Structure formats: C-alpha cells, structure tokens
Amino acid sequence: MDVRNEQESWQMACHAEDFEGEEFLECRVDGQDILLVRTPEGIVACPALCPHMEERLAHGMVDGNVLTCTKHLWQWDLCTGDPIGLAEERLKVAPVRLEGGKLLVNMERLRHGGTTCC
C-alpha cells in the first residue's frame, strides 16, 4: 500500500470528548457503522455488528482486550481480531489515534481485516 493511501485511510470517527469515560461508542465512518472500544492499551475500532448473527457489539462486554458478543458468547482478542472460545471467525479490528482532539480510525485496515492494534 502506498503512503498516500495509508494517510487517506485515517478518518474521523468522533471528537475525543464524545468518547470520554465511555467503554463503547458506535459511529458511522465512511458509510460504515463501526464500534470504538476502550481497552487497557488504548482505543480500537471494529465493525458495529457481530459477524455471526449481526448482533450489536455495543450490547456486549469488554474485559481487558477481550470483546464478548452476549448473543451467543462469541469472543475476540481486540488486539489481533483472533477468535477466542466459541467464535469461529476473526473480527476485523483497526487502530484508532488521537489527533487534534479527534479520534481517527484507519478505515483501510478495518475494511481489510487489520491485525495487531495494541
């Protein structure tokens, strides 16, 4: 991927103050519903819906770096997107960065199933 495309893929999800004190925040970025999730290492982004049964992941739970969809207890490592336990699919994850009071998501990585966010 060239540097220009990598830079263009960082898009604003929300103002940092909108996520202050929150564990989850759903946003719409570049026509895609995403979920920002706070982990001990920082903030990561993933699709807003579970890849299994399209349950809203904001209804789930996060414990450290593990996100759990409460519908069927699928779990993922938010640093890598790797499935844990019952989950049979990876979860696309992407890094989030703070810039100028805004939270930016690397949408290119999110679209293509990025790895290692933490």
PDB file of N, CA and C in Angstrom:
ATOM      1  N   MET A   1       0.856  -1.171   0.000  1.00  0.00           N
ATOM      2  CA  MET A   1       0.000   0.000   0.000  1.00  0.00           C
ATOM      3  C   MET A   1       0.901   1.233   0.000  1.00  0.00           C
ATOM      4  N   ASP A   2       0.618   2.206  -0.824  1.00  0.00           N
ATOM      5  CA  ASP A   2       1.461   3.388  -0.835  1.00  0.00           C
ATOM      6  C   ASP A   2       1.113   4.304   0.334  1.00  0.00           C
ATOM      7  N   VAL A   3       2.056   5.192   0.674  1.00  0.00           N
ATOM      8  CA  VAL A   3       1.910   6.068   1.837  1.00  0.00           C
ATOM      9  C   VAL A   3       0.693   6.974   1.682  1.00  0.00           C
ATOM     10  N   ARG A   4       0.444   7.479   0.489  1.00  0.00           N
ATOM     11  CA  ARG A   4      -0.693   8.363   0.267  1.00  0.00           C
ATOM     12  C   ARG A   4      -1.997   7.684   0.660  1.00  0.00           C
ATOM     13  N   ASN A   5      -2.196   6.431   0.224  1.00  0.00           N
ATOM     14  CA  ASN A   5      -3.418   5.704   0.570  1.00  0.00           C
ATOM     15  C   ASN A   5      -3.504   5.431   2.061  1.00  0.00           C
ATOM     16  N   GLU A   6      -2.359   5.124   2.689  1.00  0.00           N
ATOM     17  CA  GLU A   6      -2.347   4.881   4.128  1.00  0.00           C
ATOM     18  C   GLU A   6      -2.790   6.145   4.866  1.00  0.00           C
ATOM     19  N   GLN A   7      -2.315   7.311   4.446  1.00  0.00           N
ATOM     20  CA  GLN A   7      -2.695   8.559   5.097  1.00  0.00           C
ATOM     21  C   GLN A   7      -4.163   8.881   4.851  1.00  0.00           C
ATOM     22  N   GLU A   8      -4.655   8.625   3.668  1.00  0.00           N
ATOM     23  CA  GLU A   8      -6.043   8.928   3.343  1.00  0.00           C
ATOM     24  C   GLU A   8      -7.021   8.024   4.082  1.00  0.00           C
ATOM     25  N   SER A   9      -6.553   6.877   4.542  1.00  0.00           N
ATOM     26  CA  SER A   9      -7.460   5.935   5.181  1.00  0.00           C
ATOM     27  C   SER A   9      -7.813   6.325   6.614  1.00  0.00           C
ATOM     28  N   TRP A  10      -7.094   7.251   7.223  1.00  0.00           N
ATOM     29  CA  TRP A  10      -7.405   7.713   8.579  1.00  0.00           C
ATOM     30  C   TRP A  10      -8.549   8.712   8.491  1.00  0.00           C
ATOM     31  N   GLN A  11      -9.681   8.349   9.093  1.00  0.00           N
ATOM     32  CA  GLN A  11     -10.863   9.204   9.006  1.00  0.00           C
ATOM     33  C   GLN A  11     -11.438   9.442  10.395  1.00  0.00           C
ATOM     34  N   MET A  12     -12.040  10.609  10.552  1.00  0.00           N
ATOM     35  CA  MET A  12     -12.590  10.979  11.849  1.00  0.00           C
ATOM     36  C   MET A  12     -13.801  10.123  12.209  1.00  0.00           C
ATOM     37  N   ALA A  13     -13.756   9.566  13.419  1.00  0.00           N
ATOM     38  CA  ALA A  13     -14.895   8.813  13.948  1.00  0.00           C
ATOM     39  C   ALA A  13     -15.744   9.710  14.844  1.00  0.00           C
ATOM     40  N   CYS A  14     -15.082  10.511  15.680  1.00  0.00           N
ATOM     41  CA  CYS A  14     -15.794  11.396  16.592  1.00  0.00           C
ATOM     42  C   CYS A  14     -14.804  12.346  17.244  1.00  0.00           C
ATOM     43  N   HIS A  15     -15.316  13.289  17.984  1.00  0.00           N
ATOM     44  CA  HIS A  15     -14.469  14.137  18.821  1.00  0.00           C
ATOM     45  C   HIS A  15     -14.083  13.327  20.054  1.00  0.00           C
ATOM     46  N   ALA A  16     -12.867  13.482  20.502  1.00  0.00           N
ATOM     47  CA  ALA A  16     -12.390  12.716  21.655  1.00  0.00           C
ATOM     48  C   ALA A  16     -13.283  12.913  22.872  1.00  0.00           C
ATOM     49  N   GLU A  17     -13.811  14.101  23.050  1.00  0.00           N
ATOM     50  CA  GLU A  17     -14.668  14.375  24.212  1.00  0.00           C
ATOM     51  C   GLU A  17     -15.963  13.553  24.174  1.00  0.00           C
ATOM     52  N   ASP A  18     -16.401  13.140  22.986  1.00  0.00           N
ATOM     53  CA  ASP A  18     -17.611  12.313  22.869  1.00  0.00           C
ATOM     54  C   ASP A  18     -17.391  10.903  23.423  1.00  0.00           C
ATOM     55  N   PHE A  19     -16.140  10.471  23.496  1.00  0.00           N
ATOM     56  CA  PHE A  19     -15.813   9.122  23.961  1.00  0.00           C
ATOM     57  C   PHE A  19     -15.251   9.124  25.383  1.00  0.00           C
ATOM     58  N   GLU A  20     -15.087  10.297  25.935  1.00  0.00           N
ATOM     59  CA  GLU A  20     -14.509  10.416  27.267  1.00  0.00           C
ATOM     60  C   GLU A  20     -15.355   9.669  28.297  1.00  0.00           C
ATOM     61  N   GLY A  21     -14.728   8.757  29.026  1.00  0.00           N
ATOM     62  CA  GLY A  21     -15.412   7.993  30.060  1.00  0.00           C
ATOM     63  C   GLY A  21     -16.273   6.852  29.551  1.00  0.00           C
ATOM     64  N   GLU A  22     -16.309   6.636  28.251  1.00  0.00           N
ATOM     65  CA  GLU A  22     -17.142   5.577  27.661  1.00  0.00           C
ATOM     66  C   GLU A  22     -16.320   4.310  27.418  1.00  0.00           C
ATOM     67  N   GLU A  23     -16.995   3.171  27.431  1.00  0.00           N
ATOM     68  CA  GLU A  23     -16.366   1.896  27.105  1.00  0.00           C
ATOM     69  C   GLU A  23     -16.554   1.574  25.622  1.00  0.00           C
ATOM     70  N   PHE A  24     -17.757   1.892  25.100  1.00  0.00           N
ATOM     71  CA  PHE A  24     -18.105   1.675  23.689  1.00  0.00           C
ATOM     72  C   PHE A  24     -18.702   2.952  23.124  1.00  0.00           C
ATOM     73  N   LEU A  25     -18.532   3.140  21.824  1.00  0.00           N
ATOM     74  CA  LEU A  25     -19.225   4.216  21.120  1.00  0.00           C
ATOM     75  C   LEU A  25     -19.407   3.797  19.672  1.00  0.00           C
ATOM     76  N   GLU A  26     -20.662   3.773  19.227  1.00  0.00           N
ATOM     77  CA  GLU A  26     -20.938   3.478  17.816  1.00  0.00           C
ATOM     78  C   GLU A  26     -20.819   4.760  17.015  1.00  0.00           C
ATOM     79  N   CYS A  27     -20.222   4.648  15.851  1.00  0.00           N
ATOM     80  CA  CYS A  27     -20.034   5.784  14.953  1.00  0.00           C
ATOM     81  C   CYS A  27     -20.296   5.315  13.522  1.00  0.00           C
ATOM     82  N   ARG A  28     -20.564   6.257  12.664  1.00  0.00           N
ATOM     83  CA  ARG A  28     -20.673   5.961  11.233  1.00  0.00           C
ATOM     84  C   ARG A  28     -19.526   6.686  10.550  1.00  0.00           C
ATOM     85  N   VAL A  29     -18.656   5.910   9.914  1.00  0.00           N
ATOM     86  CA  VAL A  29     -17.471   6.465   9.270  1.00  0.00           C
ATOM     87  C   VAL A  29     -17.407   5.939   7.848  1.00  0.00           C
ATOM     88  N   ASP A  30     -17.343   6.833   6.910  1.00  0.00           N
ATOM     89  CA  ASP A  30     -17.208   6.456   5.504  1.00  0.00           C
ATOM     90  C   ASP A  30     -18.286   5.450   5.087  1.00  0.00           C
ATOM     91  N   GLY A  31     -19.521   5.675   5.574  1.00  0.00           N
ATOM     92  CA  GLY A  31     -20.644   4.823   5.211  1.00  0.00           C
ATOM     93  C   GLY A  31     -20.702   3.485   5.932  1.00  0.00           C
ATOM     94  N   GLN A  32     -19.829   3.285   6.915  1.00  0.00           N
ATOM     95  CA  GLN A  32     -19.779   2.013   7.639  1.00  0.00           C
ATOM     96  C   GLN A  32     -20.034   2.267   9.125  1.00  0.00           C
ATOM     97  N   ASP A  33     -20.897   1.444   9.738  1.00  0.00           N
ATOM     98  CA  ASP A  33     -21.127   1.520  11.175  1.00  0.00           C
ATOM     99  C   ASP A  33     -19.987   0.806  11.877  1.00  0.00           C
ATOM    100  N   ILE A  34     -19.309   1.534  12.769  1.00  0.00           N
ATOM    101  CA  ILE A  34     -18.180   0.957  13.490  1.00  0.00           C
ATOM    102  C   ILE A  34     -18.405   1.128  14.983  1.00  0.00           C
ATOM    103  N   LEU A  35     -17.621   0.403  15.740  1.00  0.00           N
ATOM    104  CA  LEU A  35     -17.662   0.482  17.190  1.00  0.00           C
ATOM    105  C   LEU A  35     -16.266   0.817  17.689  1.00  0.00           C
ATOM    106  N   LEU A  36     -16.173   1.870  18.485  1.00  0.00           N
ATOM    107  CA  LEU A  36     -14.934   2.178  19.180  1.00  0.00           C
ATOM    108  C   LEU A  36     -15.001   1.479  20.526  1.00  0.00           C
ATOM    109  N   VAL A  37     -13.901   0.839  20.907  1.00  0.00           N
ATOM    110  CA  VAL A  37     -13.850   0.083  22.155  1.00  0.00           C
ATOM    111  C   VAL A  37     -12.600   0.496  22.920  1.00  0.00           C
ATOM    112  N   ARG A  38     -12.790   0.814  24.198  1.00  0.00           N
ATOM    113  CA  ARG A  38     -11.659   1.176  25.054  1.00  0.00           C
ATOM    114  C   ARG A  38     -11.058  -0.099  25.640  1.00  0.00           C
ATOM    115  N   THR A  39      -9.746  -0.251  25.485  1.00  0.00           N
ATOM    116  CA  THR A  39      -9.003  -1.376  26.061  1.00  0.00           C
ATOM    117  C   THR A  39      -7.930  -0.791  26.982  1.00  0.00           C
ATOM    118  N   PRO A  40      -7.259  -1.635  27.764  1.00  0.00           N
ATOM    119  CA  PRO A  40      -6.173  -1.115  28.608  1.00  0.00           C
ATOM    120  C   PRO A  40      -5.050  -0.468  27.792  1.00  0.00           C
ATOM    121  N   GLU A  41      -4.865  -0.896  26.556  1.00  0.00           N
ATOM    122  CA  GLU A  41      -3.798  -0.353  25.710  1.00  0.00           C
ATOM    123  C   GLU A  41      -4.222   0.876  24.919  1.00  0.00           C
ATOM    124  N   GLY A  42      -5.506   1.179  24.888  1.00  0.00           N
ATOM    125  CA  GLY A  42      -5.991   2.319  24.114  1.00  0.00           C
ATOM    126  C   GLY A  42      -7.343   2.012  23.494  1.00  0.00           C
ATOM    127  N   ILE A  43      -7.620   2.675  22.392  1.00  0.00           N
ATOM    128  CA  ILE A  43      -8.907   2.534  21.727  1.00  0.00           C
ATOM    129  C   ILE A  43      -8.699   1.812  20.405  1.00  0.00           C
ATOM    130  N   VAL A  44      -9.572   0.850  20.118  1.00  0.00           N
ATOM    131  CA  VAL A  44      -9.545   0.142  18.842  1.00  0.00           C
ATOM    132  C   VAL A  44     -10.923   0.261  18.198  1.00  0.00           C
ATOM    133  N   ALA A  45     -10.984  -0.002  16.904  1.00  0.00           N
ATOM    134  CA  ALA A  45     -12.249   0.030  16.162  1.00  0.00           C
ATOM    135  C   ALA A  45     -12.517  -1.343  15.581  1.00  0.00           C
ATOM    136  N   CYS A  46     -13.805  -1.667  15.483  1.00  0.00           N
ATOM    137  CA  CYS A  46     -14.239  -2.905  14.845  1.00  0.00           C
ATOM    138  C   CYS A  46     -15.608  -2.641  14.226  1.00  0.00           C
ATOM    139  N   PRO A  47     -16.128  -3.547  13.422  1.00  0.00           N
ATOM    140  CA  PRO A  47     -17.481  -3.364  12.906  1.00  0.00           C
ATOM    141  C   PRO A  47     -18.482  -3.300  14.070  1.00  0.00           C
ATOM    142  N   ALA A  48     -19.560  -2.588  13.882  1.00  0.00           N
ATOM    143  CA  ALA A  48     -20.560  -2.426  14.939  1.00  0.00           C
ATOM    144  C   ALA A  48     -21.370  -3.693  15.167  1.00  0.00           C
ATOM    145  N   LEU A  49     -21.420  -4.571  14.157  1.00  0.00           N
ATOM    146  CA  LEU A  49     -22.228  -5.788  14.256  1.00  0.00           C
ATOM    147  C   LEU A  49     -21.363  -7.032  14.328  1.00  0.00           C
ATOM    148  N   CYS A  50     -21.813  -7.990  15.124  1.00  0.00           N
ATOM    149  CA  CYS A  50     -21.137  -9.274  15.247  1.00  0.00           C
ATOM    150  C   CYS A  50     -21.147  -9.979  13.884  1.00  0.00           C
ATOM    151  N   PRO A  51     -20.021 -10.577  13.475  1.00  0.00           N
ATOM    152  CA  PRO A  51     -20.003 -11.275  12.180  1.00  0.00           C
ATOM    153  C   PRO A  51     -20.826 -12.562  12.182  1.00  0.00           C
ATOM    154  N   HIS A  52     -21.266 -12.995  13.330  1.00  0.00           N
ATOM    155  CA  HIS A  52     -22.019 -14.249  13.440  1.00  0.00           C
ATOM    156  C   HIS A  52     -23.499 -14.043  13.140  1.00  0.00           C
ATOM    157  N   MET A  53     -24.178 -13.246  13.955  1.00  0.00           N
ATOM    158  CA  MET A  53     -25.625 -13.069  13.816  1.00  0.00           C
ATOM    159  C   MET A  53     -26.032 -11.595  13.750  1.00  0.00           C
ATOM    160  N   GLU A  54     -25.080 -10.740  13.443  1.00  0.00           N
ATOM    161  CA  GLU A  54     -25.304  -9.304  13.294  1.00  0.00           C
ATOM    162  C   GLU A  54     -25.924  -8.650  14.526  1.00  0.00           C
ATOM    163  N   GLU A  55     -25.579  -9.148  15.696  1.00  0.00           N
ATOM    164  CA  GLU A  55     -25.956  -8.516  16.962  1.00  0.00           C
ATOM    165  C   GLU A  55     -25.090  -7.273  17.145  1.00  0.00           C
ATOM    166  N   ARG A  56     -25.649  -6.246  17.736  1.00  0.00           N
ATOM    167  CA  ARG A  56     -24.874  -5.030  18.002  1.00  0.00           C
ATOM    168  C   ARG A  56     -23.825  -5.336  19.067  1.00  0.00           C
ATOM    169  N   LEU A  57     -22.566  -5.167  18.730  1.00  0.00           N
ATOM    170  CA  LEU A  57     -21.496  -5.471  19.670  1.00  0.00           C
ATOM    171  C   LEU A  57     -21.457  -4.490  20.841  1.00  0.00           C
ATOM    172  N   ALA A  58     -22.080  -3.328  20.699  1.00  0.00           N
ATOM    173  CA  ALA A  58     -22.159  -2.379  21.814  1.00  0.00           C
ATOM    174  C   ALA A  58     -23.016  -2.934  22.952  1.00  0.00           C
ATOM    175  N   HIS A  59     -23.814  -3.966  22.677  1.00  0.00           N
ATOM    176  CA  HIS A  59     -24.598  -4.630  23.720  1.00  0.00           C
ATOM    177  C   HIS A  59     -23.758  -5.672  24.456  1.00  0.00           C
ATOM    178  N   GLY A  60     -22.538  -5.862  24.003  1.00  0.00           N
ATOM    179  CA  GLY A  60     -21.655  -6.864  24.580  1.00  0.00           C
ATOM    180  C   GLY A  60     -20.881  -6.345  25.775  1.00  0.00           C
ATOM    181  N   MET A  61     -19.784  -7.034  26.058  1.00  0.00           N
ATOM    182  CA  MET A  61     -18.933  -6.694  27.195  1.00  0.00           C
ATOM    183  C   MET A  61     -17.485  -6.686  26.745  1.00  0.00           C
ATOM    184  N   VAL A  62     -16.705  -5.847  27.410  1.00  0.00           N
ATOM    185  CA  VAL A  62     -15.266  -5.867  27.185  1.00  0.00           C
ATOM    186  C   VAL A  62     -14.598  -6.086  28.535  1.00  0.00           C
ATOM    187  N   ASP A  63     -13.626  -6.999  28.536  1.00  0.00           N
ATOM    188  CA  ASP A  63     -12.849  -7.299  29.728  1.00  0.00           C
ATOM    189  C   ASP A  63     -11.389  -7.315  29.307  1.00  0.00           C
ATOM    190  N   GLY A  64     -10.684  -6.267  29.639  1.00  0.00           N
ATOM    191  CA  GLY A  64      -9.310  -6.131  29.162  1.00  0.00           C
ATOM    192  C   GLY A  64      -9.314  -5.963  27.660  1.00  0.00           C
ATOM    193  N   ASN A  65      -8.689  -6.900  26.962  1.00  0.00           N
ATOM    194  CA  ASN A  65      -8.632  -6.865  25.497  1.00  0.00           C
ATOM    195  C   ASN A  65      -9.600  -7.844  24.857  1.00  0.00           C
ATOM    196  N   VAL A  66     -10.539  -8.381  25.634  1.00  0.00           N
ATOM    197  CA  VAL A  66     -11.473  -9.381  25.109  1.00  0.00           C
ATOM    198  C   VAL A  66     -12.864  -8.768  24.986  1.00  0.00           C
ATOM    199  N   LEU A  67     -13.403  -8.831  23.775  1.00  0.00           N
ATOM    200  CA  LEU A  67     -14.762  -8.368  23.495  1.00  0.00           C
ATOM    201  C   LEU A  67     -15.661  -9.593  23.386  1.00  0.00           C
ATOM    202  N   THR A  68     -16.802  -9.553  24.083  1.00  0.00           N
ATOM    203  CA  THR A  68     -17.763 -10.657  24.059  1.00  0.00           C
ATOM    204  C   THR A  68     -19.090 -10.182  23.509  1.00  0.00           C
ATOM    205  N   CYS A  69     -19.589 -10.871  22.489  1.00  0.00           N
ATOM    206  CA  CYS A  69     -20.939 -10.645  21.998  1.00  0.00           C
ATOM    207  C   CYS A  69     -21.852 -11.474  22.897  1.00  0.00           C
ATOM    208  N   THR A  70     -22.798 -10.830  23.535  1.00  0.00           N
ATOM    209  CA  THR A  70     -23.621 -11.533  24.518  1.00  0.00           C
ATOM    210  C   THR A  70     -24.715 -12.399  23.901  1.00  0.00           C
ATOM    211  N   LYS A  71     -24.932 -12.290  22.591  1.00  0.00           N
ATOM    212  CA  LYS A  71     -25.983 -13.108  21.977  1.00  0.00           C
ATOM    213  C   LYS A  71     -25.635 -14.598  22.002  1.00  0.00           C
ATOM    214  N   HIS A  72     -24.423 -14.942  21.558  1.00  0.00           N
ATOM    215  CA  HIS A  72     -24.005 -16.347  21.540  1.00  0.00           C
ATOM    216  C   HIS A  72     -22.627 -16.551  22.157  1.00  0.00           C
ATOM    217  N   LEU A  73     -22.171 -15.555  22.897  1.00  0.00           N
ATOM    218  CA  LEU A  73     -20.910 -15.603  23.648  1.00  0.00           C
ATOM    219  C   LEU A  73     -19.666 -15.761  22.777  1.00  0.00           C
ATOM    220  N   TRP A  74     -19.731 -15.288  21.550  1.00  0.00           N
ATOM    221  CA  TRP A  74     -18.514 -15.242  20.747  1.00  0.00           C
ATOM    222  C   TRP A  74     -17.595 -14.187  21.351  1.00  0.00           C
ATOM    223  N   GLN A  75     -16.272 -14.482  21.323  1.00  0.00           N
ATOM    224  CA  GLN A  75     -15.287 -13.575  21.902  1.00  0.00           C
ATOM    225  C   GLN A  75     -14.115 -13.385  20.945  1.00  0.00           C
ATOM    226  N   TRP A  76     -13.489 -12.217  21.071  1.00  0.00           N
ATOM    227  CA  TRP A  76     -12.322 -11.903  20.241  1.00  0.00           C
ATOM    228  C   TRP A  76     -11.288 -11.159  21.051  1.00  0.00           C
ATOM    229  N   ASP A  77     -10.042 -11.347  20.647  1.00  0.00           N
ATOM    230  CA  ASP A  77      -8.934 -10.555  21.155  1.00  0.00           C
ATOM    231  C   ASP A  77      -8.937  -9.253  20.352  1.00  0.00           C
ATOM    232  N   LEU A  78      -9.145  -8.141  21.015  1.00  0.00           N
ATOM    233  CA  LEU A  78      -9.238  -6.862  20.303  1.00  0.00           C
ATOM    234  C   LEU A  78      -7.904  -6.362  19.768  1.00  0.00           C
ATOM    235  N   CYS A  79      -6.802  -6.924  20.247  1.00  0.00           N
ATOM    236  CA  CYS A  79      -5.500  -6.526  19.703  1.00  0.00           C
ATOM    237  C   CYS A  79      -5.241  -7.152  18.340  1.00  0.00           C
ATOM    238  N   THR A  80      -5.774  -8.347  18.134  1.00  0.00           N
ATOM    239  CA  THR A  80      -5.474  -9.087  16.903  1.00  0.00           C
ATOM    240  C   THR A  80      -6.701  -9.401  16.057  1.00  0.00           C
ATOM    241  N   GLY A  81      -7.884  -9.399  16.688  1.00  0.00           N
ATOM    242  CA  GLY A  81      -9.099  -9.820  15.997  1.00  0.00           C
ATOM    243  C   GLY A  81      -9.289 -11.325  16.018  1.00  0.00           C
ATOM    244  N   ASP A  82      -8.348 -12.048  16.617  1.00  0.00           N
ATOM    245  CA  ASP A  82      -8.423 -13.512  16.645  1.00  0.00           C
ATOM    246  C   ASP A  82      -9.603 -13.979  17.485  1.00  0.00           C
ATOM    247  N   PRO A  83     -10.274 -15.053  17.044  1.00  0.00           N
ATOM    248  CA  PRO A  83     -11.387 -15.604  17.808  1.00  0.00           C
ATOM    249  C   PRO A  83     -10.883 -16.306  19.060  1.00  0.00           C
ATOM    250  N   ILE A  84     -11.728 -16.273  20.080  1.00  0.00           N
ATOM    251  CA  ILE A  84     -11.446 -16.962  21.343  1.00  0.00           C
ATOM    252  C   ILE A  84     -12.654 -17.841  21.647  1.00  0.00           C
ATOM    253  N   GLY A  85     -12.419 -19.022  22.189  1.00  0.00           N
ATOM    254  CA  GLY A  85     -13.521 -19.877  22.626  1.00  0.00           C
ATOM    255  C   GLY A  85     -14.430 -20.297  21.487  1.00  0.00           C
ATOM    256  N   LEU A  86     -15.720 -19.953  21.607  1.00  0.00           N
ATOM    257  CA  LEU A  86     -16.739 -20.402  20.657  1.00  0.00           C
ATOM    258  C   LEU A  86     -16.694 -19.702  19.292  1.00  0.00           C
ATOM    259  N   ALA A  87     -16.097 -18.538  19.229  1.00  0.00           N
ATOM    260  CA  ALA A  87     -16.089 -17.766  17.977  1.00  0.00           C
ATOM    261  C   ALA A  87     -15.402 -18.546  16.863  1.00  0.00           C
ATOM    262  N   GLU A  88     -15.989 -18.483  15.680  1.00  0.00           N
ATOM    263  CA  GLU A  88     -15.469 -19.231  14.532  1.00  0.00           C
ATOM    264  C   GLU A  88     -14.892 -18.337  13.448  1.00  0.00           C
ATOM    265  N   GLU A  89     -14.987 -17.033  13.641  1.00  0.00           N
ATOM    266  CA  GLU A  89     -14.471 -16.076  12.649  1.00  0.00           C
ATOM    267  C   GLU A  89     -13.649 -15.014  13.339  1.00  0.00           C
ATOM    268  N   ARG A  90     -12.689 -14.459  12.604  1.00  0.00           N
ATOM    269  CA  ARG A  90     -11.945 -13.307  13.097  1.00  0.00           C
ATOM    270  C   ARG A  90     -12.861 -12.094  13.107  1.00  0.00           C
ATOM    271  N   LEU A  91     -12.534 -11.142  13.922  1.00  0.00           N
ATOM    272  CA  LEU A  91     -13.204  -9.850  13.950  1.00  0.00           C
ATOM    273  C   LEU A  91     -12.249  -8.837  13.332  1.00  0.00           C
ATOM    274  N   LYS A  92     -12.711  -8.080  12.381  1.00  0.00           N
ATOM    275  CA  LYS A  92     -11.861  -7.050  11.789  1.00  0.00           C
ATOM    276  C   LYS A  92     -11.627  -5.974  12.843  1.00  0.00           C
ATOM    277  N   VAL A  93     -10.372  -5.618  13.038  1.00  0.00           N
ATOM    278  CA  VAL A  93     -10.013  -4.581  14.007  1.00  0.00           C
ATOM    279  C   VAL A  93      -9.062  -3.595  13.347  1.00  0.00           C
ATOM    280  N   ALA A  94      -9.067  -2.381  13.858  1.00  0.00           N
ATOM    281  CA  ALA A  94      -8.198  -1.347  13.311  1.00  0.00           C
ATOM    282  C   ALA A  94      -7.787  -0.388  14.412  1.00  0.00           C
ATOM    283  N   PRO A  95      -6.629   0.198  14.258  1.00  0.00           N
ATOM    284  CA  PRO A  95      -6.175   1.156  15.259  1.00  0.00           C
ATOM    285  C   PRO A  95      -6.947   2.469  15.195  1.00  0.00           C
ATOM    286  N   VAL A  96      -6.960   3.138  16.326  1.00  0.00           N
ATOM    287  CA  VAL A  96      -7.566   4.464  16.458  1.00  0.00           C
ATOM    288  C   VAL A  96      -6.487   5.378  17.019  1.00  0.00           C
ATOM    289  N   ARG A  97      -6.396   6.582  16.501  1.00  0.00           N
ATOM    290  CA  ARG A  97      -5.420   7.527  17.046  1.00  0.00           C
ATOM    291  C   ARG A  97      -6.100   8.852  17.359  1.00  0.00           C
ATOM    292  N   LEU A  98      -5.516   9.569  18.293  1.00  0.00           N
ATOM    293  CA  LEU A  98      -5.990  10.884  18.695  1.00  0.00           C
ATOM    294  C   LEU A  98      -5.166  11.935  17.972  1.00  0.00           C
ATOM    295  N   GLU A  99      -5.870  12.845  17.306  1.00  0.00           N
ATOM    296  CA  GLU A  99      -5.173  13.897  16.574  1.00  0.00           C
ATOM    297  C   GLU A  99      -6.038  15.149  16.582  1.00  0.00           C
ATOM    298  N   GLY A 100      -5.529  16.215  17.179  1.00  0.00           N
ATOM    299  CA  GLY A 100      -6.262  17.478  17.192  1.00  0.00           C
ATOM    300  C   GLY A 100      -7.618  17.390  17.882  1.00  0.00           C
ATOM    301  N   GLY A 101      -7.705  16.590  18.945  1.00  0.00           N
ATOM    302  CA  GLY A 101      -8.966  16.458  19.664  1.00  0.00           C
ATOM    303  C   GLY A 101      -9.988  15.559  18.975  1.00  0.00           C
ATOM    304  N   LYS A 102      -9.558  14.849  17.941  1.00  0.00           N
ATOM    305  CA  LYS A 102     -10.461  13.955  17.200  1.00  0.00           C
ATOM    306  C   LYS A 102      -9.913  12.535  17.242  1.00  0.00           C
ATOM    307  N   LEU A 103     -10.815  11.555  17.292  1.00  0.00           N
ATOM    308  CA  LEU A 103     -10.419  10.158  17.194  1.00  0.00           C
ATOM    309  C   LEU A 103     -10.527   9.741  15.737  1.00  0.00           C
ATOM    310  N   LEU A 104      -9.416   9.269  15.187  1.00  0.00           N
ATOM    311  CA  LEU A 104      -9.330   8.867  13.791  1.00  0.00           C
ATOM    312  C   LEU A 104      -9.166   7.356  13.697  1.00  0.00           C
ATOM    313  N   VAL A 105      -9.865   6.753  12.753  1.00  0.00           N
ATOM    314  CA  VAL A 105      -9.819   5.306  12.545  1.00  0.00           C
ATOM    315  C   VAL A 105      -9.149   5.021  11.212  1.00  0.00           C
ATOM    316  N   ASN A 106      -8.297   4.011  11.196  1.00  0.00           N
ATOM    317  CA  ASN A 106      -7.684   3.585   9.945  1.00  0.00           C
ATOM    318  C   ASN A 106      -8.679   2.682   9.221  1.00  0.00           C
ATOM    319  N   MET A 107      -9.495   3.282   8.374  1.00  0.00           N
ATOM    320  CA  MET A 107     -10.578   2.563   7.702  1.00  0.00           C
ATOM    321  C   MET A 107     -10.064   1.543   6.690  1.00  0.00           C
ATOM    322  N   GLU A 108      -8.909   1.774   6.117  1.00  0.00           N
ATOM    323  CA  GLU A 108      -8.327   0.807   5.184  1.00  0.00           C
ATOM    324  C   GLU A 108      -8.049  -0.509   5.920  1.00  0.00           C
ATOM    325  N   ARG A 109      -7.461  -0.412   7.094  1.00  0.00           N
ATOM    326  CA  ARG A 109      -7.185  -1.619   7.891  1.00  0.00           C
ATOM    327  C   ARG A 109      -8.488  -2.271   8.335  1.00  0.00           C
ATOM    328  N   LEU A 110      -9.494  -1.476   8.683  1.00  0.00           N
ATOM    329  CA  LEU A 110     -10.761  -2.041   9.137  1.00  0.00           C
ATOM    330  C   LEU A 110     -11.468  -2.787   8.003  1.00  0.00           C
ATOM    331  N   ARG A 111     -11.459  -2.217   6.812  1.00  0.00           N
ATOM    332  CA  ARG A 111     -12.106  -2.865   5.669  1.00  0.00           C
ATOM    333  C   ARG A 111     -11.455  -4.193   5.311  1.00  0.00           C
ATOM    334  N   HIS A 112     -10.149  -4.264   5.480  1.00  0.00           N
ATOM    335  CA  HIS A 112      -9.409  -5.439   5.026  1.00  0.00           C
ATOM    336  C   HIS A 112      -8.982  -6.360   6.162  1.00  0.00           C
ATOM    337  N   GLY A 113      -9.601  -6.187   7.318  1.00  0.00           N
ATOM    338  CA  GLY A 113      -9.334  -7.111   8.422  1.00  0.00           C
ATOM    339  C   GLY A 113      -7.965  -6.924   9.013  1.00  0.00           C
ATOM    340  N   GLY A 114      -7.700  -5.720   9.448  1.00  0.00           N
ATOM    341  CA  GLY A 114      -6.412  -5.407  10.032  1.00  0.00           C
ATOM    342  C   GLY A 114      -6.054  -6.326  11.186  1.00  0.00           C
ATOM    343  N   THR A 115      -4.790  -6.319  11.518  1.00  0.00           N
ATOM    344  CA  THR A 115      -4.296  -7.125  12.628  1.00  0.00           C
ATOM    345  C   THR A 115      -3.493  -6.242  13.560  1.00  0.00           C
ATOM    346  N   THR A 116      -3.290  -6.703  14.744  1.00  0.00           N
ATOM    347  CA  THR A 116      -2.482  -6.086  15.783  1.00  0.00           C
ATOM    348  C   THR A 116      -2.719  -4.594  15.916  1.00  0.00           C
ATOM    349  N   CYS A 117      -3.623  -4.281  16.816  1.00  0.00           N
ATOM    350  CA  CYS A 117      -3.938  -2.888  17.114  1.00  0.00           C
ATOM    351  C   CYS A 117      -3.257  -2.418  18.389  1.00  0.00           C
ATOM    352  N   CYS A 118      -2.923  -3.323  19.274  1.00  0.00           N
ATOM    353  CA  CYS A 118      -2.373  -2.955  20.578  1.00  0.00           C
ATOM    354  C   CYS A 118      -0.861  -3.074  20.572  1.00  0.00           C
TER     355      CYS A 118
END
